[in-house]
Amino acid sequence: MGDTATDREQRRARAFIGSFTTAGGHGVLAAEADPETGALTVTGACDAVADPSFLALAGSVLYAVSETDAGAVATFDATGPAPRPLGPPVPVDGSGPTHLALAAGHLLTANYASGSVTVLPLDEDGAVRPATTVLQHEGGGPVVDRQAGPHAHQVLPDPSGNWIVSVDLGTDSVRTYVLDPETGTLGLHGETALRPGSGPRHLAFHPAGGHAYVLNELRPTLTVCRWNAAGGALEPLGETAVVPEGTPGPAYPSEVVVAPDGRFLWAAVRGTDAIAVLALDGEGAVAELVATVPCGGSWPRDLSLDPSGRWLYAANERSGDVTWFALDPATGIPSPAGSLAAPAASCIVLG
């Protein structure tokens, strides 16, 4: 028997697009993603929170940063056609949060402007409670206009779930923390220095868990690292360019994602408005730039894979759209498949 319309409907993924409301964005857009074509269809929007620039989805609950000077996180019911706020935003006690992630019953935010990481406990129903830890970073880097102080840009758990890592653009380093799930206390375990002036922005782990890839914003490179989950140690192995040699104009990488099978890695690059395709060796210890393709818009701020790994989505902030691409399973090369208007788009998550 063939698939019924109900079967196809049940396989549709949910998609949520964050945006900058101060730049004309609609807040959080909700959409359905067709698993056969990758196409997005908007079902609703919610603009109740200012500048929900980064999102995290956990079952029926959607979390968003409010990337404002005051800094907050918001919680939404993700089950309906439009996101529905679940209570008022909760302060993160830091400024300009740009990233958030869930770990051990807590929500963590990376606060770019204040250069700190915040831990907020979650109730059993997913509601966010007041912060239990705000860990302030210290230091700076040689790029004076961007690295006068710390700028935490990302925070996430490692694949083992035993460690928290935070990428700091301002200090050219990645910090490793231990999170106490009982008290919500975050303690510094170690700090790994990267090339001065590289401006690390985001990190992604290889699915096997033994390597990590740090995407640098101030130099268009990817730092390949060995990750020792037993000791919580990150060891840089080398750098790979994410733009071809001789590429004109500025290039500011933004996001990195790794294929579920660990064979390919994709990086968004603003300025050149491209998606870099890198092939990974069998262990994930070597990354080689094999192609770059246009992102289909301007200033790609985020990339995301659909749950099947067949479709790659790019949130293009300045052109105000989300584009999607079919991924060649043999080469990893993305092929344009469609686009959706989304003013000031900054993030897309699917689940």
Protein backbone atom coordinates (compact mmCIF):
# COMPACT_ATOMS: atom_id res chain seq x y z
CA MET A 1 0.00 0.00 0.00
CA GLY A 2 1.16 3.57 -0.72
CA ASP A 3 1.46 6.36 1.78
CA THR A 4 -1.77 8.06 2.71
CA ALA A 5 -2.13 11.82 3.10
CA THR A 6 -2.27 11.23 6.86
CA ASP A 7 1.04 9.30 6.77
CA ARG A 8 2.74 12.11 4.88
CA GLU A 9 1.30 14.70 7.24
CA GLN A 10 2.60 12.83 10.28
CA ARG A 11 6.11 12.77 8.79
CA ARG A 12 6.20 16.53 8.30
CA ALA A 13 8.76 18.21 10.49
CA ARG A 14 8.10 21.37 12.41
CA ALA A 15 10.31 24.36 11.68
CA PHE A 16 10.75 27.56 13.65
CA ILE A 17 12.49 30.66 12.35
CA GLY A 18 13.85 33.32 14.69
CA SER A 19 14.40 36.90 13.58
CA PHE A 20 15.34 40.41 14.65
CA THR A 21 12.11 42.30 15.34
CA THR A 22 14.09 45.56 15.57
CA ALA A 23 15.06 45.04 11.91
CA GLY A 24 11.55 44.23 10.67
CA GLY A 25 11.36 40.55 11.58
CA HIS A 26 8.10 38.87 12.53
CA GLY A 27 9.49 37.39 15.75
CA VAL A 28 9.23 33.59 15.66
CA LEU A 29 7.71 32.07 12.53
CA ALA A 30 6.28 28.55 12.70
CA ALA A 31 6.24 26.39 9.59
CA GLU A 32 5.79 22.86 8.34
CA ALA A 33 8.60 21.20 6.42
CA ASP A 34 7.70 18.74 3.67
CA PRO A 35 10.03 15.72 3.99
CA GLU A 36 9.78 14.96 0.27
CA THR A 37 10.59 18.42 -1.10
CA GLY A 38 12.09 20.30 1.84
CA ALA A 39 9.53 23.05 1.26
CA LEU A 40 8.49 25.25 4.17
CA THR A 41 4.92 26.44 4.66
CA VAL A 42 4.31 29.11 7.29
CA THR A 43 1.53 28.30 9.73
CA GLY A 44 1.79 31.23 12.14
CA ALA A 45 4.00 33.78 13.90
CA CYS A 46 4.49 35.37 17.31
CA ASP A 47 6.14 38.74 17.88
CA ALA A 48 5.63 38.86 21.65
CA VAL A 49 9.38 38.81 22.36
CA ALA A 50 11.96 41.28 21.08
CA ASP A 51 14.74 39.95 18.83
CA PRO A 52 14.33 36.18 19.31
CA SER A 53 17.53 35.61 17.36
CA PHE A 54 18.35 32.04 18.40
CA LEU A 55 16.05 29.11 19.20
CA ALA A 56 16.13 25.65 20.76
CA LEU A 57 13.37 23.07 20.44
CA ALA A 58 12.68 20.44 23.11
CA GLY A 59 9.63 18.37 22.22
CA SER A 60 6.56 20.55 22.62
CA VAL A 61 8.49 23.51 24.07
CA LEU A 62 10.44 26.12 22.13
CA TYR A 63 13.02 28.37 23.79
CA ALA A 64 14.32 31.68 22.41
CA VAL A 65 16.87 34.22 23.48
CA SER A 66 15.83 37.85 23.50
CA GLU A 67 19.01 39.41 22.13
CA THR A 68 18.59 42.77 23.83
CA ASP A 69 20.70 44.88 26.16
CA ALA A 70 18.67 43.60 29.12
CA GLY A 71 18.92 39.99 27.94
CA ALA A 72 16.24 37.36 28.52
CA VAL A 73 14.93 33.96 27.46
CA ALA A 74 11.38 33.19 26.42
CA THR A 75 9.40 29.94 26.38
CA PHE A 76 6.73 29.00 23.84
CA ASP A 77 4.22 26.22 23.38
CA ALA A 78 5.31 24.75 20.03
CA THR A 79 2.31 22.48 19.42
CA GLY A 80 -0.05 24.91 17.70
CA PRO A 81 0.04 26.63 14.32
CA ALA A 82 1.74 29.66 15.93
CA PRO A 83 4.13 29.72 18.90
CA ARG A 84 2.29 30.65 22.10
CA PRO A 85 4.20 32.37 24.93
CA LEU A 86 4.32 30.45 28.20
CA GLY A 87 4.73 33.23 30.71
CA PRO A 88 6.91 36.36 30.58
CA PRO A 89 10.57 36.31 29.49
CA VAL A 90 13.07 35.46 32.23
CA PRO A 91 16.20 37.65 32.65
CA VAL A 92 19.58 35.99 32.00
CA ASP A 93 21.45 38.58 34.07
CA GLY A 94 23.68 39.20 31.06
CA SER A 95 23.56 41.38 27.96
CA GLY A 96 22.95 40.39 24.36
CA PRO A 97 22.39 36.62 24.58
CA THR A 98 23.11 35.08 21.17
CA HIS A 99 22.84 31.34 21.79
CA LEU A 100 21.14 28.88 24.09
CA ALA A 101 21.14 25.14 24.69
CA LEU A 102 19.62 22.57 27.02
CA ALA A 103 21.66 20.35 29.34
CA ALA A 104 20.87 18.27 32.42
CA GLY A 105 17.52 19.90 33.12
CA HIS A 106 18.86 23.42 32.63
CA LEU A 107 18.86 26.09 29.95
CA LEU A 108 22.19 27.80 29.27
CA THR A 109 22.77 31.04 27.38
CA ALA A 110 25.88 32.59 25.87
CA ASN A 111 25.71 36.34 26.42
CA TYR A 112 27.74 38.06 23.73
CA ALA A 113 27.69 41.68 24.89
CA SER A 114 28.53 40.96 28.53
CA GLY A 115 30.84 38.04 27.78
CA SER A 116 29.19 35.61 30.19
CA VAL A 117 27.36 32.29 30.38
CA THR A 118 24.11 31.90 32.34
CA VAL A 119 22.50 28.76 33.79
CA LEU A 120 18.73 28.70 34.34
CA PRO A 121 16.98 25.64 35.82
CA LEU A 122 13.89 24.17 34.19
CA ASP A 123 10.77 22.90 35.91
CA GLU A 124 9.38 19.47 35.03
CA ASP A 125 7.02 21.14 32.56
CA GLY A 126 9.90 23.01 30.89
CA ALA A 127 9.27 26.41 32.50
CA VAL A 128 12.38 28.51 33.03
CA ARG A 129 13.33 29.51 36.57
CA PRO A 130 15.63 32.38 37.67
CA ALA A 131 19.35 32.05 36.98
CA THR A 132 21.47 29.97 39.36
CA THR A 133 24.87 30.84 37.83
CA VAL A 134 26.27 33.67 35.74
CA LEU A 135 29.89 32.89 34.90
CA GLN A 136 31.78 35.93 33.65
CA HIS A 137 34.54 35.43 31.08
CA GLU A 138 37.75 37.47 31.19
CA GLY A 139 40.27 38.45 28.53
CA GLY A 140 40.43 39.89 25.03
CA GLY A 141 42.17 39.58 21.69
CA PRO A 142 44.24 41.50 19.14
CA VAL A 143 41.36 42.66 16.88
CA VAL A 144 40.69 45.87 18.78
CA ASP A 145 37.24 46.71 17.44
CA ARG A 146 35.89 43.18 18.04
CA GLN A 147 37.99 41.78 20.88
CA ALA A 148 38.31 44.52 23.48
CA GLY A 149 36.72 42.11 25.96
CA PRO A 150 35.09 38.68 26.16
CA HIS A 151 32.18 37.82 23.85
CA ALA A 152 30.65 34.44 24.60
CA HIS A 153 28.94 33.42 21.35
CA GLN A 154 27.86 29.82 21.92
CA VAL A 155 27.29 27.36 24.74
CA LEU A 156 26.38 23.67 24.38
CA PRO A 157 26.82 20.24 25.98
CA ASP A 158 29.33 17.79 24.55
CA PRO A 159 28.05 14.45 23.13
CA SER A 160 28.83 12.59 26.36
CA GLY A 161 26.67 14.98 28.37
CA ASN A 162 29.42 15.31 30.97
CA TRP A 163 30.75 18.68 29.90
CA ILE A 164 29.59 22.12 28.81
CA VAL A 165 31.65 24.03 26.24
CA SER A 166 31.49 27.73 25.45
CA VAL A 167 33.00 29.47 22.45
CA ASP A 168 34.24 33.02 23.06
CA LEU A 169 34.91 35.25 20.06
CA GLY A 170 36.50 37.98 22.16
CA THR A 171 39.11 35.84 23.91
CA ASP A 172 40.01 33.46 21.05
CA SER A 173 39.26 30.48 23.23
CA VAL A 174 36.91 27.64 24.07
CA ARG A 175 36.11 27.04 27.73
CA THR A 176 35.06 23.72 29.25
CA TYR A 177 32.76 23.64 32.27
CA VAL A 178 31.23 21.17 34.68
CA LEU A 179 27.52 21.64 35.41
CA ASP A 180 26.15 20.41 38.73
CA PRO A 181 22.61 19.27 37.84
CA GLU A 182 21.47 19.45 41.45
CA THR A 183 22.46 23.05 42.18
CA GLY A 184 22.73 24.58 38.69
CA THR A 185 26.30 25.63 39.48
CA LEU A 186 28.67 25.97 36.53
CA GLY A 187 32.38 25.54 37.26
CA LEU A 188 35.34 26.19 34.96
CA HIS A 189 37.28 23.02 34.09
CA GLY A 190 39.68 24.32 31.42
CA GLU A 191 40.29 26.79 28.61
CA THR A 192 41.75 26.07 25.16
CA ALA A 193 43.49 28.90 23.35
CA LEU A 194 43.01 29.20 19.59
CA ARG A 195 44.92 31.31 17.09
CA PRO A 196 45.01 34.98 18.24
CA GLY A 197 42.60 37.10 16.21
CA SER A 198 40.69 34.12 14.82
CA GLY A 199 37.47 35.06 16.63
CA PRO A 200 35.89 31.63 17.24
CA ARG A 201 32.11 31.82 16.91
CA HIS A 202 30.47 28.37 16.87
CA LEU A 203 31.48 24.75 17.40
CA ALA A 204 30.03 21.43 16.23
CA PHE A 205 30.96 17.90 17.29
CA HIS A 206 31.59 14.92 15.05
CA PRO A 207 28.83 12.32 15.60
CA ALA A 208 31.43 9.79 16.80
CA GLY A 209 32.28 12.24 19.59
CA GLY A 210 36.05 12.26 19.23
CA HIS A 211 36.48 15.51 17.29
CA ALA A 212 35.07 19.02 17.29
CA TYR A 213 35.12 21.79 14.69
CA VAL A 214 35.41 25.43 15.68
CA LEU A 215 34.28 27.93 13.06
CA ASN A 216 36.16 31.22 13.25
CA GLU A 217 34.45 34.51 12.36
CA LEU A 218 37.36 36.95 12.17
CA ARG A 219 39.46 34.64 10.01
CA PRO A 220 37.49 32.46 7.58
CA THR A 221 38.83 29.16 8.86
CA LEU A 222 37.73 26.01 10.62
CA THR A 223 39.85 24.74 13.51
CA VAL A 224 39.76 20.95 13.71
CA CYS A 225 40.17 19.71 17.29
CA ARG A 226 40.47 16.40 19.07
CA TRP A 227 37.92 16.06 21.87
CA ASN A 228 38.72 13.88 24.86
CA ALA A 229 35.41 13.26 26.56
CA ALA A 230 37.04 11.32 29.39
CA GLY A 231 39.07 14.33 30.51
CA GLY A 232 37.07 17.20 29.04
CA ALA A 233 40.05 18.31 26.95
CA LEU A 234 39.99 20.07 23.57
CA GLU A 235 43.17 19.88 21.46
CA PRO A 236 43.53 21.94 18.25
CA LEU A 237 44.95 19.87 15.38
CA GLY A 238 44.97 22.37 12.51
CA GLU A 239 43.03 24.93 10.48
CA THR A 240 41.25 24.65 7.15
CA ALA A 241 40.09 27.59 5.04
CA VAL A 242 36.34 27.79 4.38
CA VAL A 243 36.75 30.13 1.40
CA PRO A 244 38.85 29.34 -1.69
CA GLU A 245 42.25 31.00 -1.90
CA GLY A 246 42.04 34.39 -3.59
CA THR A 247 38.35 34.94 -2.80
CA PRO A 248 37.79 38.73 -2.83
CA GLY A 249 36.00 40.76 -0.19
CA PRO A 250 35.38 40.19 3.51
CA ALA A 251 34.25 36.77 4.70
CA TYR A 252 32.64 36.25 8.11
CA PRO A 253 31.74 32.62 8.85
CA SER A 254 28.69 32.16 11.06
CA GLU A 255 27.47 28.59 11.56
CA VAL A 256 28.76 25.04 11.18
CA VAL A 257 26.83 21.75 10.98
CA VAL A 258 28.05 18.19 10.56
CA ALA A 259 26.31 15.40 8.63
CA PRO A 260 24.74 12.67 10.79
CA ASP A 261 27.08 10.10 9.20
CA GLY A 262 30.14 12.29 9.83
CA ARG A 263 31.27 12.43 6.19
CA PHE A 264 30.65 16.12 5.48
CA LEU A 265 30.55 19.49 7.20
CA TRP A 266 28.87 22.68 6.02
CA ALA A 267 29.73 26.23 7.04
CA ALA A 268 27.82 29.44 6.29
CA VAL A 269 29.96 32.40 5.27
CA ARG A 270 28.59 35.94 5.32
CA GLY A 271 30.08 38.52 2.97
CA THR A 272 30.78 35.93 0.29
CA ASP A 273 27.22 34.70 0.94
CA ALA A 274 28.22 31.10 0.42
CA ILE A 275 27.93 27.67 1.97
CA ALA A 276 31.27 25.91 2.23
CA VAL A 277 31.32 22.13 1.83
CA LEU A 278 34.09 20.26 3.61
CA ALA A 279 34.77 16.54 3.39
CA LEU A 280 35.83 14.77 6.59
CA ASP A 281 38.05 11.72 6.74
CA GLY A 282 36.90 8.48 8.35
CA GLU A 283 37.86 9.54 11.87
CA GLY A 284 36.85 13.16 11.45
CA ALA A 285 40.41 14.35 12.10
CA VAL A 286 40.91 15.99 8.69
CA ALA A 287 38.61 18.49 6.94
CA GLU A 288 39.09 19.42 3.28
CA LEU A 289 37.28 22.23 1.47
CA VAL A 290 35.75 20.65 -1.63
CA ALA A 291 33.23 23.25 -2.83
CA THR A 292 31.39 26.48 -2.11
CA VAL A 293 27.88 27.23 -3.33
CA PRO A 294 25.80 30.45 -3.17
CA CYS A 295 23.50 30.53 -0.15
CA GLY A 296 20.64 31.89 -2.26
CA GLY A 297 20.40 35.11 -0.25
CA SER A 298 22.47 37.64 1.67
CA TRP A 299 24.28 37.28 5.02
CA PRO A 300 23.60 33.63 5.97
CA ARG A 301 23.54 33.70 9.77
CA ASP A 302 22.44 30.14 10.49
CA LEU A 303 22.35 26.66 9.00
CA SER A 304 20.26 23.69 10.05
CA LEU A 305 19.70 20.12 8.84
CA ASP A 306 16.26 18.54 8.80
CA PRO A 307 15.84 15.40 10.95
CA SER A 308 16.49 13.09 7.98
CA GLY A 309 19.72 14.82 6.99
CA ARG A 310 18.49 15.20 3.40
CA TRP A 311 17.81 18.95 3.46
CA LEU A 312 19.98 21.88 4.50
CA TYR A 313 18.38 25.23 5.45
CA ALA A 314 20.03 28.66 5.55
CA ALA A 315 18.61 31.69 7.39
CA ASN A 316 19.71 34.74 5.37
CA GLU A 317 19.46 37.79 7.57
CA ARG A 318 19.94 40.70 5.15
CA SER A 319 17.93 39.34 2.25
CA GLY A 320 15.18 38.30 4.64
CA ASP A 321 14.62 34.71 3.59
CA VAL A 322 15.25 31.09 4.37
CA THR A 323 16.60 28.97 1.53
CA TRP A 324 16.77 25.19 1.41
CA PHE A 325 18.97 22.76 -0.45
CA ALA A 326 18.90 19.08 -1.38
CA LEU A 327 22.11 17.39 -0.26
CA ASP A 328 23.89 14.98 -2.58
CA PRO A 329 24.61 11.95 -0.39
CA ALA A 330 27.74 11.09 -2.39
CA THR A 331 29.39 14.52 -2.59
CA GLY A 332 27.69 16.60 0.11
CA ILE A 333 27.06 19.34 -2.45
CA PRO A 334 23.86 21.34 -1.75
CA SER A 335 21.52 22.03 -4.67
CA PRO A 336 19.01 24.92 -4.40
CA ALA A 337 15.47 23.67 -3.87
CA GLY A 338 13.42 26.65 -2.69
CA SER A 339 13.08 29.74 -0.52
CA LEU A 340 10.69 31.40 1.90
CA ALA A 341 10.40 35.09 2.76
CA ALA A 342 11.39 35.65 6.41
CA PRO A 343 12.43 39.24 7.18
CA ALA A 344 15.62 39.61 9.26
CA ALA A 345 15.88 35.82 9.62
CA SER A 346 18.59 34.79 12.09
CA CYS A 347 17.96 31.15 13.02
CA ILE A 348 16.05 28.06 11.95
CA VAL A 349 15.46 24.88 13.94
CA LEU A 350 13.61 21.77 12.83
CA GLY A 351 12.21 18.85 14.77
